[in-house]
Amino acid sequence: MNDERPIVIRKVIKVTAAGHHGGAWKVAYADFVTAMMAFFLLMWLINMTSPEQKMGVADYFAPANISESKSGAGGILGGTEIGKKGAKSSGADGRRSTKPKPTTVTEQTAKSSEKGSEDSAPQVSESAMDEALSRREGLAFQSAAESIRQAMQDLPELAELSKSLIIDNTPEGLRIQIVDQEGLSMFPSGSITPRPHAVALLRTVSSIINKLPNRIAISGHTDSAPVSGNVDANWDISSGRANVARQILQEGNVPASRIFSIIGKAGSEPLYPDDPFMAGNRRISIVLLREAPPLPPGHRL
């Protein structure tokens, strides 16, 4: 019988396309994240590097300086023939170029910074040394002033002379002034012989300043009133009183080598300019001079 149906075989080929659940986007996203991380890392490095480091990186990636050849056609080969000679030569005649190697910006910056550091190093060290010496000297002056005031309090016989002692810092150094008070003078009128309490006060001062190495400048001062009608006598009296003060200091073991100057100024520098006849203008001034710092090696005046 011919009623049998033909057998049909269907072969289905399934094609899988990259749809919504495919993995290609992950690769693109990973590349994007990597690029962003590299970008932010580059921004961070640029922000953290100094201008000198940036200049060095720029010089590293800059193309090498190539001098233009004047021989031949001036092209890439510069007129040289292709061969062993042409490969070794830099010009048509095979001679090597003697042109000096150009200096990069980094090398110039390094040389200038080294020169600047060499020039500024002595200045910085000298300034620091001056500051340290000034600070140490200031502390020594302050300690000496406090010691003199303490000695005045510890000695009852000098208690009444506390107002006769003026201690202050001046550009020249620590100044100690022994001044006259109304009714309490250090020297009799017109005399260079000190009173006993003036001698005791000078010896107390000598015991303190003897602990310091500074040189000493002594000056005598009077008021503007002439002695016995002789105006010039005040110059002799002021210089004589300064010299007597020097003798008392040396008796207190102050070395003579520390005495820098002894000056009589009469009434030329009154302590109270508004009243040149005031008793406080009569005084002995003792200045512990500030010592100049030592000069650095190789320094020339």
Protein backbone atom coordinates (compact mmCIF):
# COMPACT_ATOMS: atom_id res chain seq x y z
CA MET A 1 0.00 0.00 0.00
CA ASN A 2 1.18 3.53 -0.71
CA ASP A 3 -0.57 5.11 2.31
CA GLU A 4 2.63 5.40 4.30
CA ARG A 5 3.57 8.98 5.01
CA PRO A 6 7.15 10.12 4.40
CA ILE A 7 9.29 10.59 7.44
CA VAL A 8 10.44 14.21 7.74
CA ILE A 9 13.44 14.94 10.00
CA ARG A 10 13.74 18.52 11.23
CA LYS A 11 17.12 19.73 12.37
CA VAL A 12 16.87 22.86 14.52
CA ILE A 13 20.01 24.95 14.89
CA LYS A 14 19.87 27.25 17.92
CA VAL A 15 21.74 30.53 17.64
CA THR A 16 22.69 32.13 20.96
CA ALA A 17 22.99 35.92 20.71
CA ALA A 18 24.54 38.24 23.26
CA GLY A 19 21.41 39.55 24.83
CA HIS A 20 20.63 41.27 28.08
CA HIS A 21 22.39 38.64 30.15
CA GLY A 22 25.58 38.59 28.06
CA GLY A 23 29.06 39.30 29.57
CA ALA A 24 30.54 41.72 26.99
CA TRP A 25 29.49 44.81 28.98
CA LYS A 26 31.54 43.63 31.94
CA VAL A 27 34.71 43.80 29.91
CA ALA A 28 33.90 47.34 28.77
CA TYR A 29 33.06 48.40 32.31
CA ALA A 30 36.30 46.93 33.64
CA ASP A 31 38.26 48.85 31.01
CA PHE A 32 36.43 52.04 31.99
CA VAL A 33 37.15 51.56 35.71
CA THR A 34 40.81 50.84 34.98
CA ALA A 35 41.09 53.96 32.86
CA MET A 36 39.45 56.10 35.56
CA MET A 37 41.75 54.68 38.23
CA ALA A 38 44.80 55.45 36.07
CA PHE A 39 43.45 58.98 35.47
CA PHE A 40 42.95 59.74 39.17
CA LEU A 41 46.34 58.21 39.97
CA LEU A 42 47.93 60.52 37.39
CA MET A 43 46.13 63.56 38.90
CA TRP A 44 47.36 62.58 42.37
CA LEU A 45 50.95 62.22 41.17
CA ILE A 46 50.83 65.60 39.42
CA ASN A 47 49.55 67.22 42.60
CA MET A 48 52.20 65.59 44.80
CA THR A 49 55.27 66.30 42.67
CA SER A 50 57.32 69.49 42.95
CA PRO A 51 57.95 71.84 39.99
CA GLU A 52 61.53 70.56 39.74
CA GLN A 53 60.31 66.96 39.52
CA LYS A 54 57.76 67.89 36.88
CA MET A 55 60.49 69.60 34.87
CA GLY A 56 62.65 66.48 35.13
CA VAL A 57 59.81 64.26 33.86
CA ALA A 58 59.16 66.67 30.99
CA ASP A 59 62.84 66.65 30.03
CA TYR A 60 62.90 62.85 30.19
CA PHE A 61 60.06 62.51 27.65
CA ALA A 62 61.23 65.45 25.48
CA PRO A 63 62.75 64.47 22.12
CA ALA A 64 66.51 64.56 21.86
CA ASN A 65 68.06 67.66 20.33
CA ILE A 66 69.07 66.88 16.75
CA SER A 67 71.33 69.35 15.05
CA GLU A 68 70.41 70.09 11.44
CA SER A 69 73.10 69.06 9.00
CA LYS A 70 74.26 71.65 6.46
CA SER A 71 75.88 69.09 4.14
CA GLY A 72 74.39 67.40 1.11
CA ALA A 73 70.67 67.66 0.62
CA GLY A 74 70.02 68.37 4.29
CA GLY A 75 67.66 65.42 4.57
CA ILE A 76 67.56 62.45 6.87
CA LEU A 77 70.85 60.99 5.72
CA GLY A 78 72.51 64.43 5.56
CA GLY A 79 74.26 63.70 2.26
CA THR A 80 75.98 60.55 3.47
CA GLU A 81 75.85 57.40 1.46
CA ILE A 82 74.19 54.30 2.76
CA GLY A 83 76.89 52.00 3.91
CA LYS A 84 79.42 51.48 6.62
CA LYS A 85 80.92 54.93 6.21
CA GLY A 86 77.56 56.63 6.02
CA ALA A 87 76.29 54.77 9.04
CA LYS A 88 79.18 55.94 11.18
CA SER A 89 79.63 59.46 9.89
CA SER A 90 77.58 62.47 10.85
CA GLY A 91 78.53 64.57 7.80
CA ALA A 92 79.59 64.22 4.21
CA ASP A 93 83.31 64.01 5.06
CA GLY A 94 82.84 61.49 7.90
CA ARG A 95 84.08 63.82 10.64
CA ARG A 96 82.38 63.71 14.01
CA SER A 97 80.61 66.82 15.22
CA THR A 98 82.41 68.78 17.95
CA LYS A 99 79.36 70.84 18.90
CA PRO A 100 78.98 70.89 22.70
CA LYS A 101 76.10 69.00 24.21
CA PRO A 102 73.20 71.35 25.03
CA THR A 103 72.42 71.81 28.70
CA THR A 104 68.92 70.86 29.72
CA VAL A 105 66.68 73.02 31.90
CA THR A 106 66.96 70.54 34.76
CA GLU A 107 70.76 70.78 34.80
CA GLN A 108 70.61 74.59 34.76
CA THR A 109 68.08 74.60 37.61
CA ALA A 110 70.21 72.17 39.62
CA LYS A 111 73.35 74.25 39.11
CA SER A 112 71.59 77.50 40.07
CA SER A 113 70.04 75.90 43.17
CA GLU A 114 73.41 74.50 44.25
CA LYS A 115 75.03 77.91 43.77
CA GLY A 116 72.22 79.59 45.68
CA SER A 117 72.48 77.12 48.55
CA GLU A 118 76.23 77.65 48.77
CA ASP A 119 75.78 81.43 48.88
CA SER A 120 72.97 81.35 51.44
CA ALA A 121 74.47 78.73 53.76
CA PRO A 122 77.05 81.06 55.40
CA GLN A 123 74.40 83.75 55.82
CA VAL A 124 71.96 81.42 57.49
CA SER A 125 74.57 79.93 59.81
CA GLU A 126 75.95 83.37 60.66
CA SER A 127 72.48 84.72 61.41
CA ALA A 128 71.67 81.74 63.61
CA MET A 129 74.96 82.15 65.46
CA ASP A 130 74.31 85.86 66.07
CA GLU A 131 70.82 85.11 67.37
CA ALA A 132 72.09 82.40 69.73
CA LEU A 133 74.85 84.64 71.10
CA SER A 134 72.43 87.53 71.56
CA ARG A 135 69.96 85.31 73.41
CA ARG A 136 72.65 83.91 75.68
CA GLU A 137 74.02 87.39 76.41
CA GLY A 138 70.52 88.69 77.17
CA LEU A 139 69.94 85.90 79.68
CA ALA A 140 73.29 86.64 81.34
CA PHE A 141 72.44 90.35 81.63
CA GLN A 142 69.04 89.56 83.10
CA SER A 143 70.60 87.22 85.66
CA ALA A 144 73.17 89.87 86.64
CA ALA A 145 70.48 92.53 87.11
CA GLU A 146 68.41 90.22 89.31
CA SER A 147 71.48 89.29 91.37
CA ILE A 148 72.30 92.96 92.03
CA ARG A 149 68.72 93.71 93.13
CA GLN A 150 68.71 90.64 95.36
CA ALA A 151 72.00 91.69 96.95
CA MET A 152 70.46 95.10 97.71
CA GLN A 153 67.62 93.40 99.58
CA ASP A 154 69.92 91.04 101.48
CA LEU A 155 72.11 93.87 102.87
CA PRO A 156 70.22 96.10 105.32
CA GLU A 157 72.83 98.87 105.07
CA LEU A 158 72.11 99.16 101.34
CA ALA A 159 68.32 99.03 101.58
CA GLU A 160 68.01 102.83 101.57
CA LEU A 161 70.12 102.96 98.37
CA SER A 162 67.67 100.91 96.29
CA LYS A 163 66.34 104.10 94.67
CA SER A 164 69.89 105.16 93.85
CA LEU A 165 70.43 102.14 91.59
CA ILE A 166 69.01 102.11 88.04
CA ILE A 167 69.59 99.03 85.86
CA ASP A 168 68.43 98.90 82.24
CA ASN A 169 69.32 97.40 78.86
CA THR A 170 70.68 99.72 76.17
CA PRO A 171 71.98 99.11 72.63
CA GLU A 172 75.51 99.28 74.09
CA GLY A 173 74.82 96.70 76.81
CA LEU A 174 73.62 96.35 80.40
CA ARG A 175 73.80 99.76 82.07
CA ILE A 176 74.12 100.11 85.86
CA GLN A 177 73.74 103.67 87.13
CA ILE A 178 74.42 104.89 90.66
CA VAL A 179 72.60 108.21 90.97
CA ASP A 180 72.30 110.87 93.64
CA GLN A 181 69.06 111.45 95.51
CA GLU A 182 67.89 114.60 97.21
CA GLY A 183 69.67 114.53 100.56
CA LEU A 184 71.65 111.36 99.68
CA SER A 185 74.62 111.96 97.41
CA MET A 186 77.35 109.51 96.39
CA PHE A 187 80.10 112.16 96.47
CA PRO A 188 80.43 115.40 98.42
CA SER A 189 79.87 118.52 96.34
CA GLY A 190 82.90 119.29 94.19
CA SER A 191 84.81 116.21 95.44
CA ILE A 192 85.91 112.94 93.85
CA THR A 193 86.14 111.09 97.17
CA PRO A 194 83.16 108.71 97.46
CA ARG A 195 81.04 108.37 100.56
CA PRO A 196 81.15 105.03 102.44
CA HIS A 197 77.73 103.89 101.21
CA ALA A 198 78.84 104.61 97.60
CA VAL A 199 81.93 102.43 98.11
CA ALA A 200 79.77 99.60 99.54
CA LEU A 201 77.40 99.85 96.60
CA LEU A 202 80.22 99.76 94.03
CA ARG A 203 81.76 96.71 95.70
CA THR A 204 78.42 94.92 95.59
CA VAL A 205 78.15 95.68 91.90
CA SER A 206 81.71 94.47 91.30
CA SER A 207 80.97 91.10 92.92
CA ILE A 208 78.16 90.52 90.41
CA ILE A 209 79.71 91.84 87.20
CA ASN A 210 82.92 89.95 87.97
CA LYS A 211 81.03 86.76 87.02
CA LEU A 212 80.60 87.96 83.44
CA PRO A 213 83.34 88.25 80.77
CA ASN A 214 82.06 91.46 79.14
CA ARG A 215 84.21 94.56 78.91
CA ILE A 216 83.24 97.57 81.02
CA ALA A 217 82.78 101.23 80.09
CA ILE A 218 82.63 103.71 83.01
CA SER A 219 81.44 107.30 82.70
CA GLY A 220 80.99 110.06 85.27
CA HIS A 221 78.22 112.66 85.08
CA THR A 222 77.45 115.87 86.98
CA ASP A 223 74.58 118.31 86.87
CA SER A 224 74.80 121.60 84.99
CA ALA A 225 75.48 123.70 88.09
CA PRO A 226 79.08 125.05 88.01
CA VAL A 227 81.35 124.32 90.98
CA SER A 228 82.64 127.51 92.63
CA GLY A 229 81.72 129.44 89.50
CA ASN A 230 84.06 127.31 87.31
CA VAL A 231 82.10 125.64 84.53
CA ASP A 232 85.07 123.57 83.32
CA ALA A 233 85.54 122.01 86.76
CA ASN A 234 82.65 119.62 86.13
CA TRP A 235 84.69 117.87 83.42
CA ASP A 236 87.54 117.16 85.83
CA ILE A 237 85.13 116.11 88.59
CA SER A 238 83.15 113.72 86.37
CA SER A 239 86.29 112.07 84.95
CA GLY A 240 87.84 111.83 88.43
CA ARG A 241 84.75 110.14 89.86
CA ALA A 242 84.70 107.65 86.96
CA ASN A 243 88.34 106.81 87.62
CA VAL A 244 87.64 106.31 91.36
CA ALA A 245 84.80 103.93 90.44
CA ARG A 246 87.26 101.98 88.29
CA GLN A 247 89.66 101.66 91.22
CA ILE A 248 86.90 100.34 93.50
CA LEU A 249 85.83 97.80 90.88
CA GLN A 250 89.38 96.57 90.48
CA GLU A 251 89.67 96.27 94.26
CA GLY A 252 86.68 93.96 93.96
CA ASN A 253 88.75 91.64 91.71
CA VAL A 254 87.52 92.97 88.37
CA PRO A 255 90.49 92.51 85.98
CA ALA A 256 92.02 95.68 84.57
CA SER A 257 91.90 94.10 81.11
CA ARG A 258 88.11 94.30 81.18
CA ILE A 259 88.08 98.09 81.56
CA PHE A 260 87.33 99.43 78.08
CA SER A 261 86.96 103.17 78.71
CA ILE A 262 86.77 105.82 81.45
CA ILE A 263 85.00 109.00 80.39
CA GLY A 264 84.01 112.22 82.12
CA LYS A 265 80.91 113.74 80.53
CA ALA A 266 80.13 116.53 83.01
CA GLY A 267 76.55 117.69 82.38
CA SER A 268 76.48 116.93 78.63
CA GLU A 269 74.14 113.92 79.00
CA PRO A 270 71.63 114.69 81.77
CA LEU A 271 69.46 111.85 82.98
CA TYR A 272 66.62 114.34 83.35
CA PRO A 273 66.92 116.74 80.38
CA ASP A 274 63.93 118.79 81.54
CA ASP A 275 65.77 119.70 84.75
CA PRO A 276 69.56 119.74 84.16
CA PHE A 277 70.18 120.93 87.74
CA MET A 278 68.37 117.95 89.32
CA ALA A 279 70.36 115.81 91.75
CA GLY A 280 69.63 112.64 89.75
CA ASN A 281 71.83 113.93 86.93
CA ARG A 282 74.88 113.37 89.16
CA ARG A 283 75.73 109.73 88.66
CA ILE A 284 78.23 107.00 87.80
CA SER A 285 77.34 104.86 84.79
CA ILE A 286 78.80 101.34 84.41
CA VAL A 287 77.99 99.57 81.13
CA LEU A 288 78.65 95.89 80.45
CA LEU A 289 79.30 96.11 76.72
CA ARG A 290 77.72 93.71 74.29
CA GLU A 291 80.37 91.55 72.71
CA ALA A 292 80.51 91.40 68.90
CA PRO A 293 80.01 87.83 67.57
CA PRO A 294 83.13 86.12 66.18
CA LEU A 295 83.63 86.44 62.44
CA PRO A 296 83.09 83.29 60.35
CA PRO A 297 86.15 81.64 58.78
CA GLY A 298 87.28 83.33 55.59
CA HIS A 299 85.35 86.54 56.33
CA ARG A 300 87.02 89.74 55.15
CA LEU A 301 86.21 93.25 56.28
